[in-house]
Amino acid sequence: MIEPLPPRLRARLNANYLLQMTLGRFDHLVDLYPFVRISLTGTPGFWLLSEADPGDPDFFFGLSAKDHRPQLGWLRLTSMERYAQSRGLGLERDLTFAPTMSLGAYLEQARSGGQALGHGQARQPSSSPSLR
């Protein structure tokens, strides 16, 4: 089981959710920064989380890159834990993660075969990708 999210991170994720619900549109959503990186121990698999539903503490939006197919979407922390357990792996929150770019830029980096997300230099996207 992964370490619980401290209140300051939970507050930032909740604030991003509220911002997205306030400013986001169906055809143009805000490209937010992720604040949490969770890794699958012993693999290059990870999740970057940018939003949390304040009404459901298990529901997050972010980038999933666990099977060499990076994608954005909503996910449950309990599903991440089941995924890891079914493969005999653990989950670990990166305590040193500090976002350097938006979720869309991390997605572009992952799709182009960039270095492990959150590490090294990444180029900025030429345009903001559609996030959902």
C-alpha atoms as a PDB file:
ATOM      1  CA  MET A   1       0.000   0.000   0.000  1.00  0.00           C
ATOM      2  CA  ILE A   2       1.303   3.442  -0.868  1.00  0.00           C
ATOM      3  CA  GLU A   3       1.908   6.168   1.664  1.00  0.00           C
ATOM      4  CA  PRO A   4      -1.193   8.336   2.116  1.00  0.00           C
ATOM      5  CA  LEU A   5      -1.144  11.725   0.455  1.00  0.00           C
ATOM      6  CA  PRO A   6      -0.285  14.516   2.867  1.00  0.00           C
ATOM      7  CA  PRO A   7      -2.957  17.214   3.250  1.00  0.00           C
ATOM      8  CA  ARG A   8      -0.926  19.813   1.287  1.00  0.00           C
ATOM      9  CA  LEU A   9      -0.751  17.549  -1.797  1.00  0.00           C
ATOM     10  CA  ARG A  10      -4.396  16.525  -1.485  1.00  0.00           C
ATOM     11  CA  ALA A  11      -5.337  20.233  -1.289  1.00  0.00           C
ATOM     12  CA  ARG A  12      -3.375  21.020  -4.490  1.00  0.00           C
ATOM     13  CA  LEU A  13      -4.970  18.109  -6.352  1.00  0.00           C
ATOM     14  CA  ASN A  14      -8.438  19.134  -5.162  1.00  0.00           C
ATOM     15  CA  ALA A  15      -7.757  22.749  -6.205  1.00  0.00           C
ATOM     16  CA  ASN A  16      -6.765  21.571  -9.700  1.00  0.00           C
ATOM     17  CA  TYR A  17     -10.019  19.619  -9.945  1.00  0.00           C
ATOM     18  CA  LEU A  18     -12.038  22.670  -8.967  1.00  0.00           C
ATOM     19  CA  LEU A  19     -10.063  24.839 -11.411  1.00  0.00           C
ATOM     20  CA  GLN A  20     -10.719  22.365 -14.215  1.00  0.00           C
ATOM     21  CA  MET A  21     -14.425  22.262 -13.392  1.00  0.00           C
ATOM     22  CA  THR A  22     -14.562  26.072 -13.311  1.00  0.00           C
ATOM     23  CA  LEU A  23     -12.379  26.974 -16.312  1.00  0.00           C
ATOM     24  CA  GLY A  24     -12.278  23.804 -18.394  1.00  0.00           C
ATOM     25  CA  ARG A  25     -14.552  23.309 -21.349  1.00  0.00           C
ATOM     26  CA  PHE A  26     -15.514  20.128 -23.166  1.00  0.00           C
ATOM     27  CA  ASP A  27     -13.510  21.213 -26.214  1.00  0.00           C
ATOM     28  CA  HIS A  28     -10.619  22.883 -24.389  1.00  0.00           C
ATOM     29  CA  LEU A  29      -9.418  21.789 -20.971  1.00  0.00           C
ATOM     30  CA  VAL A  30      -6.758  23.391 -18.836  1.00  0.00           C
ATOM     31  CA  ASP A  31      -3.349  21.654 -19.109  1.00  0.00           C
ATOM     32  CA  LEU A  32      -2.453  21.435 -15.413  1.00  0.00           C
ATOM     33  CA  TYR A  33       0.731  20.448 -13.609  1.00  0.00           C
ATOM     34  CA  PRO A  34       0.825  17.089 -11.830  1.00  0.00           C
ATOM     35  CA  PHE A  35       1.780  17.117  -8.148  1.00  0.00           C
ATOM     36  CA  VAL A  36       2.144  13.412  -7.364  1.00  0.00           C
ATOM     37  CA  ARG A  37       4.291  10.728  -9.007  1.00  0.00           C
ATOM     38  CA  ILE A  38       3.636   7.103  -8.088  1.00  0.00           C
ATOM     39  CA  SER A  39       5.983   4.389  -9.357  1.00  0.00           C
ATOM     40  CA  LEU A  40       5.615   0.658  -9.809  1.00  0.00           C
ATOM     41  CA  THR A  41       8.630  -0.653  -7.902  1.00  0.00           C
ATOM     42  CA  GLY A  42      11.237  -2.380 -10.019  1.00  0.00           C
ATOM     43  CA  THR A  43       9.707  -1.229 -13.338  1.00  0.00           C
ATOM     44  CA  PRO A  44       9.574   1.949 -15.421  1.00  0.00           C
ATOM     45  CA  GLY A  45       5.784   2.090 -14.844  1.00  0.00           C
ATOM     46  CA  PHE A  46       4.325   5.151 -13.117  1.00  0.00           C
ATOM     47  CA  TRP A  47       1.365   7.467 -12.697  1.00  0.00           C
ATOM     48  CA  LEU A  48       1.434  11.277 -12.549  1.00  0.00           C
ATOM     49  CA  LEU A  49      -1.596  12.742 -10.792  1.00  0.00           C
ATOM     50  CA  SER A  50      -2.846  16.257 -11.468  1.00  0.00           C
ATOM     51  CA  GLU A  51      -6.372  16.286 -10.012  1.00  0.00           C
ATOM     52  CA  ALA A  52      -8.363  14.631  -7.237  1.00  0.00           C
ATOM     53  CA  ASP A  53     -12.122  14.632  -6.887  1.00  0.00           C
ATOM     54  CA  PRO A  54     -12.835  16.332  -3.528  1.00  0.00           C
ATOM     55  CA  GLY A  55     -15.987  14.214  -3.186  1.00  0.00           C
ATOM     56  CA  ASP A  56     -14.189  10.881  -3.714  1.00  0.00           C
ATOM     57  CA  PRO A  57     -10.746  10.478  -2.070  1.00  0.00           C
ATOM     58  CA  ASP A  58      -9.971   7.446  -4.274  1.00  0.00           C
ATOM     59  CA  PHE A  59     -10.581   9.150  -7.669  1.00  0.00           C
ATOM     60  CA  PHE A  60      -7.749  10.940  -9.544  1.00  0.00           C
ATOM     61  CA  PHE A  61      -6.977  12.308 -12.991  1.00  0.00           C
ATOM     62  CA  GLY A  62      -3.537  11.886 -14.453  1.00  0.00           C
ATOM     63  CA  LEU A  63      -1.103  10.215 -16.781  1.00  0.00           C
ATOM     64  CA  SER A  64      -0.720   6.455 -16.661  1.00  0.00           C
ATOM     65  CA  ALA A  65       2.390   4.922 -18.213  1.00  0.00           C
ATOM     66  CA  LYS A  66       2.457   1.400 -16.871  1.00  0.00           C
ATOM     67  CA  ASP A  67       2.386  -0.744 -20.023  1.00  0.00           C
ATOM     68  CA  HIS A  68       4.360   1.315 -22.572  1.00  0.00           C
ATOM     69  CA  ARG A  69       1.086   3.012 -23.605  1.00  0.00           C
ATOM     70  CA  PRO A  70       0.951   6.394 -21.910  1.00  0.00           C
ATOM     71  CA  GLN A  71      -2.570   7.753 -21.594  1.00  0.00           C
ATOM     72  CA  LEU A  72      -4.537  10.356 -19.695  1.00  0.00           C
ATOM     73  CA  GLY A  73      -7.646   9.525 -17.749  1.00  0.00           C
ATOM     74  CA  TRP A  74      -9.460   9.104 -14.474  1.00  0.00           C
ATOM     75  CA  LEU A  75      -8.296   6.282 -12.189  1.00  0.00           C
ATOM     76  CA  ARG A  76      -8.774   4.915  -8.729  1.00  0.00           C
ATOM     77  CA  LEU A  77      -5.932   4.539  -6.257  1.00  0.00           C
ATOM     78  CA  THR A  78      -7.368   1.171  -5.196  1.00  0.00           C
ATOM     79  CA  SER A  79      -7.198   0.011  -8.851  1.00  0.00           C
ATOM     80  CA  MET A  80      -3.541   1.053  -9.007  1.00  0.00           C
ATOM     81  CA  GLU A  81      -2.864  -0.979  -5.872  1.00  0.00           C
ATOM     82  CA  ARG A  82      -4.680  -4.038  -7.285  1.00  0.00           C
ATOM     83  CA  TYR A  83      -2.735  -3.710 -10.549  1.00  0.00           C
ATOM     84  CA  ALA A  84       0.579  -3.687  -8.674  1.00  0.00           C
ATOM     85  CA  GLN A  85      -0.395  -6.547  -6.342  1.00  0.00           C
ATOM     86  CA  SER A  86      -1.543  -8.740  -9.248  1.00  0.00           C
ATOM     87  CA  ARG A  87       1.995  -8.497 -10.649  1.00  0.00           C
ATOM     88  CA  GLY A  88       3.777  -8.963  -7.346  1.00  0.00           C
ATOM     89  CA  LEU A  89       4.915  -5.329  -7.336  1.00  0.00           C
ATOM     90  CA  GLY A  90       4.610  -2.456  -4.938  1.00  0.00           C
ATOM     91  CA  LEU A  91       3.674   1.184  -5.332  1.00  0.00           C
ATOM     92  CA  GLU A  92       5.841   4.019  -4.139  1.00  0.00           C
ATOM     93  CA  ARG A  93       5.140   7.745  -4.032  1.00  0.00           C
ATOM     94  CA  ASP A  94       8.142   9.734  -5.206  1.00  0.00           C
ATOM     95  CA  LEU A  95       8.757  12.046  -2.249  1.00  0.00           C
ATOM     96  CA  THR A  96      11.178  14.189  -4.279  1.00  0.00           C
ATOM     97  CA  PHE A  97       8.946  14.752  -7.316  1.00  0.00           C
ATOM     98  CA  ALA A  98       8.689  18.422  -8.292  1.00  0.00           C
ATOM     99  CA  PRO A  99       6.781  19.072 -11.528  1.00  0.00           C
ATOM    100  CA  THR A 100       8.667  20.975 -14.208  1.00  0.00           C
ATOM    101  CA  MET A 101       5.964  21.011 -16.882  1.00  0.00           C
ATOM    102  CA  SER A 102       2.297  20.420 -17.550  1.00  0.00           C
ATOM    103  CA  LEU A 103       0.641  17.025 -17.735  1.00  0.00           C
ATOM    104  CA  GLY A 104       0.284  17.421 -21.514  1.00  0.00           C
ATOM    105  CA  ALA A 105       4.039  18.006 -21.852  1.00  0.00           C
ATOM    106  CA  TYR A 106       4.766  14.901 -19.762  1.00  0.00           C
ATOM    107  CA  LEU A 107       2.396  12.936 -22.015  1.00  0.00           C
ATOM    108  CA  GLU A 108       4.222  14.166 -25.105  1.00  0.00           C
ATOM    109  CA  GLN A 109       7.559  13.254 -23.521  1.00  0.00           C
ATOM    110  CA  ALA A 110       6.347   9.747 -22.672  1.00  0.00           C
ATOM    111  CA  ARG A 111       4.903   9.187 -26.163  1.00  0.00           C
ATOM    112  CA  SER A 112       8.132  10.305 -27.808  1.00  0.00           C
ATOM    113  CA  GLY A 113      10.154   7.863 -25.723  1.00  0.00           C
ATOM    114  CA  GLY A 114      11.625  10.495 -23.408  1.00  0.00           C
ATOM    115  CA  GLN A 115      13.490   9.762 -20.223  1.00  0.00           C
ATOM    116  CA  ALA A 116      11.677   8.616 -17.102  1.00  0.00           C
ATOM    117  CA  LEU A 117       9.125  11.280 -16.308  1.00  0.00           C
ATOM    118  CA  GLY A 118      10.161  13.781 -13.743  1.00  0.00           C
ATOM    119  CA  HIS A 119      13.821  13.265 -14.552  1.00  0.00           C
ATOM    120  CA  GLY A 120      16.043  14.943 -17.129  1.00  0.00           C
ATOM    121  CA  GLN A 121      15.187  17.676 -19.602  1.00  0.00           C
ATOM    122  CA  ALA A 122      12.018  17.652 -21.645  1.00  0.00           C
ATOM    123  CA  ARG A 123      11.049  19.777 -24.573  1.00  0.00           C
ATOM    124  CA  GLN A 124       7.901  21.830 -24.325  1.00  0.00           C
ATOM    125  CA  PRO A 125       5.018  20.839 -26.624  1.00  0.00           C
ATOM    126  CA  SER A 126       4.411  23.003 -29.666  1.00  0.00           C
ATOM    127  CA  SER A 127       0.712  23.176 -28.834  1.00  0.00           C
ATOM    128  CA  SER A 128      -1.394  22.134 -25.885  1.00  0.00           C
ATOM    129  CA  PRO A 129      -2.746  18.611 -26.502  1.00  0.00           C
ATOM    130  CA  SER A 130      -6.324  17.694 -25.809  1.00  0.00           C
ATOM    131  CA  LEU A 131      -6.287  16.141 -22.366  1.00  0.00           C
ATOM    132  CA  ARG A 132      -9.472  14.098 -22.333  1.00  0.00           C
END
